[in-house]
Amino acid sequence: MENCSDKPTIMVTNDDGIDAPGLRALVRVLVSTDRYHVLVCAPDTEKSAVSHSITWRHPIAAKAADIDGAIAFAVAGTPADCASLGLSQALFPSIPDLVISGINMGSNCGYHIVYSGTVAGAREAFFNGVPSVSISYDWVGGKSTIHDYTLAAEACLPLINAILAEIRNQTYPKRGFLNIDLPTDVANHKGYKLTKQGKSIFKMGWRQVSSETQGVRMSSTMTMETDQPEAKTETDSSTISQEHLLFTREARGAHIADPDTDWQYLREGYITVTPLGALSDAEMDCQVFFKDWLPSVNERASSSAL
C-alpha cells in the first residue's frame, strides 16, 4: 500500500456528476464501513456517454465539495479528466490504492462500454497503473428506486474488500481492470458471475426535427425516455439558422444481445464481473483476412507505380 495508515484509500469518480445518487450512495456505504479513506473527484455536471474524451486545450476548474466522511472535489471536466487529476498528486497528496467509477445509472455492457464515461474513469486509472473498477446499476424506470443504489454498493463490498486484499498482497493483476454491472432486482441477485464483454447494443436512429427542444430526450442510461411527453415544436431562429438541419436520436429497436456474455447474465439476475483491457484487437477471422489482403495491396501498389 502507498499509505502509511492501515486504511486503504479509495478514490471515487463517475460520469453522472458529483451530485448523482449512485455516487452518493457508494460513498455513504464506503464511509459507513470505517475501513477506508475515501476521496471523490467527479464531474461537476452530468457527463454521460462522453466515452474517454479529455480536456486538452484549456485548464479545468476544481471546487471543494461537501460530502460527509470524504475529501471531495467537483471538476469541470470529463470522467477521464477527473480520474487523471485525482491520481496526479496535484489535487490529493497521495495516490489512492483503488479507483471506483460509479455507481452509474444504467448498465454498461457490450458495445455500450465504448460509449461509457463510467468505464472511461476506471480505464484512465488503469492507464495510470492504479487498480480500478467501474460499477453500473441496471436502472429501469418504474421499477428501480434510489435505495437500489445503496443495495448495489453493499453488494459490491465483498468484491471491493477482496480486490484490496490482493492489492495489499501485491497479487492483484496489473494488465486489466474490472467492469461490474448489477441487475435491476439487485435485492435478489444470483451472485457474482465472471463474464466477457459481448456485442450487445441498443439500436438507435435519427429523426429530423424543427426545434432544439423537440423529440425524445436521451436519459443517462443511454436509453430513450419514451415515456416523457414530447416537447412542443417551435423554431428558434435566434439560435439556429434556417440553413441548419436539426436531428434527434430516437429508439428503433430493442437491445440486441449475444449469449454467454455480460448483458445476457445481467438479464438473468447475476452481478456480472467483466475483466477489460485497453487493447482493441480485431477478431481472428478479420485478422486472417487482412494478413492475406495487405500483401496483395502492396503488390498492386508496386506494379501500378511502374
Protein backbone atom coordinates (compact mmCIF):
# COMPACT_ATOMS: atom_id res chain seq x y z
CA MET A 1 0.00 0.00 0.00
CA GLU A 2 1.16 3.51 -0.67
CA ASN A 3 -0.41 4.99 2.50
CA CYS A 4 1.10 4.98 5.96
CA SER A 5 -2.29 4.35 7.54
CA ASP A 6 -3.67 0.86 7.87
CA LYS A 7 -6.75 2.03 6.00
CA PRO A 8 -6.54 1.81 2.21
CA THR A 9 -7.56 4.83 0.17
CA ILE A 10 -10.35 4.60 -2.41
CA MET A 11 -11.00 7.37 -4.93
CA VAL A 12 -14.50 7.58 -6.41
CA THR A 13 -15.40 9.18 -9.72
CA ASN A 14 -18.31 8.81 -12.16
CA ASP A 15 -19.96 10.27 -15.26
CA ASP A 16 -23.40 11.17 -13.85
CA GLY A 17 -21.90 14.05 -11.86
CA ILE A 18 -20.84 14.57 -8.26
CA ASP A 19 -24.43 15.04 -7.07
CA ALA A 20 -25.69 11.82 -8.67
CA PRO A 21 -27.46 9.46 -6.24
CA GLY A 22 -25.36 6.49 -7.40
CA LEU A 23 -22.09 8.16 -6.44
CA ARG A 24 -23.51 9.50 -3.18
CA ALA A 25 -24.83 6.05 -2.19
CA LEU A 26 -21.49 4.42 -2.96
CA VAL A 27 -19.58 6.99 -0.90
CA ARG A 28 -22.01 6.66 2.03
CA VAL A 29 -21.60 2.89 2.07
CA LEU A 30 -17.80 3.09 1.84
CA VAL A 31 -17.61 5.70 4.60
CA SER A 32 -20.04 3.81 6.85
CA THR A 33 -17.74 0.79 6.97
CA ASP A 34 -14.97 2.90 8.53
CA ARG A 35 -12.47 0.73 6.65
CA TYR A 36 -11.24 3.17 4.01
CA HIS A 37 -10.08 6.70 3.40
CA VAL A 38 -12.47 7.99 0.73
CA LEU A 39 -11.63 10.61 -1.90
CA VAL A 40 -14.02 11.90 -4.54
CA CYS A 41 -13.02 13.55 -7.80
CA ALA A 42 -16.04 13.69 -10.11
CA PRO A 43 -17.53 15.90 -12.83
CA ASP A 44 -19.46 18.93 -11.61
CA THR A 45 -22.28 18.15 -14.07
CA GLU A 46 -23.52 15.08 -15.91
CA LYS A 47 -21.04 13.75 -18.47
CA SER A 48 -22.79 10.56 -19.56
CA ALA A 49 -21.74 8.82 -22.80
CA VAL A 50 -18.68 11.03 -23.33
CA SER A 51 -16.51 7.90 -23.59
CA HIS A 52 -12.80 8.56 -22.94
CA SER A 53 -12.74 12.19 -24.06
CA ILE A 54 -10.32 14.52 -22.27
CA THR A 55 -9.90 18.28 -21.90
CA TRP A 56 -6.78 19.30 -23.75
CA ARG A 57 -6.63 22.95 -24.76
CA HIS A 58 -7.65 24.82 -21.61
CA PRO A 59 -7.41 24.49 -17.79
CA ILE A 60 -10.19 22.82 -15.84
CA ALA A 61 -11.64 24.12 -12.58
CA ALA A 62 -11.90 22.06 -9.39
CA LYS A 63 -14.02 23.14 -6.44
CA ALA A 64 -14.19 21.53 -3.00
CA ALA A 65 -17.48 19.73 -2.39
CA ASP A 66 -19.17 18.84 0.89
CA ILE A 67 -19.60 15.07 1.19
CA ASP A 68 -19.67 13.61 4.70
CA GLY A 69 -16.68 11.43 5.51
CA ALA A 70 -14.85 12.13 2.25
CA ILE A 71 -12.48 14.68 0.76
CA ALA A 72 -14.25 15.69 -2.42
CA PHE A 73 -13.82 17.92 -5.45
CA ALA A 74 -16.21 18.74 -8.27
CA VAL A 75 -14.32 19.15 -11.53
CA ALA A 76 -15.34 20.94 -14.72
CA GLY A 77 -14.09 18.08 -16.87
CA THR A 78 -14.81 14.61 -18.16
CA PRO A 79 -14.61 11.36 -16.16
CA ALA A 80 -11.19 10.67 -17.67
CA ASP A 81 -10.09 14.18 -16.66
CA CYS A 82 -11.30 13.55 -13.10
CA ALA A 83 -9.53 10.21 -12.78
CA SER A 84 -6.30 11.63 -14.19
CA LEU A 85 -6.38 14.74 -11.99
CA GLY A 86 -7.23 12.73 -8.88
CA LEU A 87 -4.27 10.42 -9.46
CA SER A 88 -1.77 13.12 -10.40
CA GLN A 89 -0.94 14.22 -6.82
CA ALA A 90 -1.71 17.77 -7.96
CA LEU A 91 -5.09 17.62 -6.17
CA PHE A 92 -4.61 14.96 -3.48
CA PRO A 93 -1.28 14.43 -1.71
CA SER A 94 -1.06 10.69 -2.36
CA ILE A 95 -2.12 8.13 -4.97
CA PRO A 96 -5.16 6.04 -3.95
CA ASP A 97 -4.95 2.28 -3.72
CA LEU A 98 -8.12 1.73 -5.76
CA VAL A 99 -10.31 3.81 -8.07
CA ILE A 100 -14.04 3.10 -8.33
CA SER A 101 -16.08 4.77 -11.07
CA GLY A 102 -19.84 4.78 -10.44
CA ILE A 103 -22.40 3.77 -9.49
CA ASN A 104 -23.79 4.56 -12.92
CA MET A 105 -27.49 4.97 -13.66
CA GLY A 106 -27.93 2.23 -16.25
CA SER A 107 -25.96 -0.83 -17.27
CA ASN A 108 -22.72 -0.71 -19.25
CA CYS A 109 -22.47 -3.95 -21.20
CA GLY A 110 -21.43 -4.99 -24.68
CA TYR A 111 -20.67 -2.23 -27.17
CA HIS A 112 -22.05 0.38 -24.74
CA ILE A 113 -18.79 0.02 -22.84
CA VAL A 114 -17.17 2.02 -25.65
CA TYR A 115 -19.51 4.97 -25.12
CA SER A 116 -19.41 4.87 -21.33
CA GLY A 117 -17.86 7.69 -19.33
CA THR A 118 -18.18 5.49 -16.25
CA VAL A 119 -15.95 2.81 -17.75
CA ALA A 120 -13.58 5.52 -19.02
CA GLY A 121 -13.00 6.73 -15.46
CA ALA A 122 -11.78 3.26 -14.49
CA ARG A 123 -9.86 2.83 -17.74
CA GLU A 124 -7.98 6.10 -17.15
CA ALA A 125 -6.91 4.84 -13.73
CA PHE A 126 -5.74 1.62 -15.39
CA PHE A 127 -3.72 3.69 -17.87
CA ASN A 128 -2.04 5.28 -14.86
CA GLY A 129 -1.18 1.95 -13.26
CA VAL A 130 -3.80 2.13 -10.49
CA PRO A 131 -6.23 -0.78 -9.90
CA SER A 132 -9.75 0.23 -10.85
CA VAL A 133 -13.36 -0.86 -11.11
CA SER A 134 -16.36 0.61 -12.92
CA ILE A 135 -19.77 -0.11 -11.41
CA SER A 136 -23.16 0.29 -13.08
CA TYR A 137 -26.69 -0.49 -11.92
CA ASP A 138 -29.31 -1.58 -14.46
CA TRP A 139 -31.80 1.15 -13.63
CA VAL A 140 -35.28 0.65 -15.07
CA GLY A 141 -37.83 3.44 -14.79
CA GLY A 142 -40.91 2.43 -12.82
CA LYS A 143 -39.08 -0.48 -11.14
CA SER A 144 -35.90 0.95 -9.65
CA THR A 145 -35.68 3.27 -6.65
CA ILE A 146 -32.92 5.41 -5.16
CA HIS A 147 -32.48 2.82 -2.40
CA ASP A 148 -31.31 0.30 -5.03
CA TYR A 149 -28.05 2.22 -5.32
CA THR A 150 -27.35 1.53 -1.65
CA LEU A 151 -28.13 -2.15 -2.14
CA ALA A 152 -25.83 -2.18 -5.18
CA ALA A 153 -22.97 -0.60 -3.23
CA GLU A 154 -23.42 -3.06 -0.37
CA ALA A 155 -23.47 -5.99 -2.82
CA CYS A 156 -20.10 -4.82 -4.20
CA LEU A 157 -18.37 -4.56 -0.80
CA PRO A 158 -17.11 -8.19 -0.79
CA LEU A 159 -15.58 -7.62 -4.23
CA ILE A 160 -14.00 -4.34 -3.15
CA ASN A 161 -12.55 -5.89 0.00
CA ALA A 162 -11.23 -8.88 -1.93
CA ILE A 163 -9.57 -6.61 -4.50
CA LEU A 164 -7.93 -4.54 -1.76
CA ALA A 165 -6.65 -7.73 -0.10
CA GLU A 166 -4.99 -8.77 -3.36
CA ILE A 167 -3.53 -5.28 -3.77
CA ARG A 168 -2.13 -5.44 -0.24
CA ASN A 169 -0.58 -8.84 -1.01
CA GLN A 170 0.77 -7.49 -4.30
CA THR A 171 -1.02 -10.29 -6.15
CA TYR A 172 -3.63 -8.21 -7.99
CA PRO A 173 -3.14 -8.36 -11.79
CA LYS A 174 -1.94 -5.15 -13.43
CA ARG A 175 -2.93 -5.89 -17.02
CA GLY A 176 -6.64 -5.17 -16.78
CA PHE A 177 -9.48 -3.61 -14.81
CA LEU A 178 -12.99 -4.73 -13.89
CA ASN A 179 -16.41 -3.66 -15.14
CA ILE A 180 -19.25 -4.62 -12.78
CA ASP A 181 -22.96 -4.49 -13.63
CA LEU A 182 -25.73 -5.09 -11.11
CA PRO A 183 -29.19 -6.37 -12.10
CA THR A 184 -32.37 -4.36 -11.71
CA ASP A 185 -33.65 -6.62 -8.92
CA VAL A 186 -30.42 -6.19 -7.02
CA ALA A 187 -32.01 -7.24 -3.72
CA ASN A 188 -32.47 -10.75 -5.16
CA HIS A 189 -29.34 -11.05 -7.28
CA LYS A 190 -27.96 -14.53 -8.01
CA GLY A 191 -24.37 -13.79 -7.02
CA TYR A 192 -21.24 -12.87 -8.95
CA LYS A 193 -20.66 -14.16 -12.48
CA LEU A 194 -17.37 -13.81 -14.36
CA THR A 195 -18.30 -12.80 -17.91
CA LYS A 196 -16.82 -11.46 -21.11
CA GLN A 197 -17.78 -8.31 -22.96
CA GLY A 198 -20.43 -9.10 -25.52
CA LYS A 199 -21.60 -7.38 -28.68
CA SER A 200 -24.94 -6.23 -27.33
CA ILE A 201 -26.16 -2.75 -28.25
CA PHE A 202 -29.39 -0.79 -28.11
CA LYS A 203 -30.18 0.17 -31.70
CA MET A 204 -31.00 3.83 -32.20
CA GLY A 205 -31.66 6.02 -35.21
CA TRP A 206 -32.09 9.67 -36.08
CA ARG A 207 -35.10 11.83 -36.88
CA GLN A 208 -35.17 15.34 -38.30
CA VAL A 209 -36.85 17.95 -36.08
CA SER A 210 -37.57 21.64 -36.39
CA SER A 211 -36.56 22.72 -32.87
CA GLU A 212 -33.74 22.08 -30.40
CA THR A 213 -36.32 21.09 -27.77
CA GLN A 214 -38.37 18.75 -29.94
CA GLY A 215 -38.11 14.99 -29.72
CA VAL A 216 -37.48 12.24 -27.22
CA ARG A 217 -34.90 13.00 -24.55
CA MET A 218 -31.89 10.74 -24.05
CA SER A 219 -31.54 9.56 -20.47
CA SER A 220 -28.24 9.00 -18.66
CA THR A 221 -28.78 5.25 -19.06
CA MET A 222 -28.17 5.51 -22.83
CA THR A 223 -31.78 4.58 -23.50
CA MET A 224 -34.61 6.70 -24.77
CA GLU A 225 -37.07 8.23 -22.32
CA THR A 226 -40.06 7.41 -24.46
CA ASP A 227 -42.47 7.88 -21.56
CA GLN A 228 -41.67 11.60 -21.44
CA PRO A 229 -44.07 13.99 -23.21
CA GLU A 230 -42.69 15.31 -26.46
CA ALA A 231 -41.86 18.99 -26.38
CA LYS A 232 -43.91 21.36 -28.46
CA THR A 233 -42.46 22.02 -31.89
CA GLU A 234 -41.14 25.53 -32.18
CA THR A 235 -38.47 27.13 -34.31
CA ASP A 236 -35.95 29.35 -32.56
CA SER A 237 -34.45 31.39 -35.37
CA SER A 238 -32.37 33.42 -32.92
CA THR A 239 -30.13 30.45 -32.08
CA ILE A 240 -30.42 28.19 -35.13
CA SER A 241 -30.03 29.41 -38.66
CA GLN A 242 -32.55 28.15 -41.18
CA GLU A 243 -29.56 26.78 -43.08
CA HIS A 244 -29.04 24.20 -40.32
CA LEU A 245 -30.75 20.83 -40.25
CA LEU A 246 -31.65 19.52 -36.77
CA PHE A 247 -31.71 15.82 -35.87
CA THR A 248 -32.51 13.97 -32.66
CA ARG A 249 -31.90 10.37 -31.70
CA GLU A 250 -34.86 8.02 -31.48
CA ALA A 251 -35.43 4.44 -30.38
CA ARG A 252 -35.58 1.95 -33.24
CA GLY A 253 -35.33 -1.43 -31.60
CA ALA A 254 -34.67 -3.49 -28.51
CA HIS A 255 -31.31 -4.37 -27.01
CA ILE A 256 -29.58 -6.85 -29.33
CA ALA A 257 -27.58 -9.33 -27.26
CA ASP A 258 -25.42 -12.40 -27.73
CA PRO A 259 -25.41 -15.44 -25.39
CA ASP A 260 -23.00 -16.20 -22.54
CA THR A 261 -21.85 -12.60 -22.19
CA ASP A 262 -22.21 -9.69 -19.77
CA TRP A 263 -25.63 -8.49 -20.96
CA GLN A 264 -27.14 -11.99 -21.03
CA TYR A 265 -26.04 -12.89 -17.49
CA LEU A 266 -27.15 -9.49 -16.22
CA ARG A 267 -30.62 -10.22 -17.67
CA GLU A 268 -30.60 -13.49 -15.73
CA GLY A 269 -30.06 -11.65 -12.45
CA TYR A 270 -26.33 -12.04 -11.88
CA ILE A 271 -23.85 -9.39 -10.80
CA THR A 272 -21.55 -9.54 -13.80
CA VAL A 273 -17.80 -9.11 -13.35
CA THR A 274 -16.07 -8.46 -16.66
CA PRO A 275 -12.28 -8.04 -16.96
CA LEU A 276 -11.37 -5.38 -19.52
CA GLY A 277 -8.19 -4.07 -21.09
CA ALA A 278 -7.13 -1.18 -23.27
CA LEU A 279 -6.36 -3.06 -26.50
CA SER A 280 -8.95 -3.47 -29.24
CA ASP A 281 -7.76 -6.38 -31.36
CA ALA A 282 -9.97 -7.50 -34.23
CA GLU A 283 -11.42 -10.99 -34.11
CA MET A 284 -9.32 -13.78 -35.57
CA ASP A 285 -11.17 -14.21 -38.88
CA CYS A 286 -10.79 -10.50 -39.54
CA GLN A 287 -7.06 -10.60 -38.75
CA VAL A 288 -6.61 -13.60 -41.07
CA PHE A 289 -8.34 -11.73 -43.89
CA PHE A 290 -6.09 -8.69 -43.60
CA LYS A 291 -2.97 -10.84 -43.25
CA ASP A 292 -3.63 -12.13 -46.79
CA TRP A 293 -5.11 -8.89 -48.09
CA LEU A 294 -2.37 -6.37 -47.29
CA PRO A 295 0.45 -8.13 -49.27
CA SER A 296 -1.80 -8.13 -52.35
CA VAL A 297 -2.36 -4.39 -51.93
CA ASN A 298 1.41 -3.89 -51.71
CA GLU A 299 1.86 -5.91 -54.92
CA ARG A 300 -0.77 -3.85 -56.77
CA ALA A 301 0.74 -0.63 -55.49
CA SER A 302 4.20 -1.68 -56.66
CA SER A 303 3.01 -2.74 -60.14
CA SER A 304 0.92 0.40 -60.66
CA ALA A 305 3.94 2.56 -59.85
CA LEU A 306 5.88 1.12 -62.79
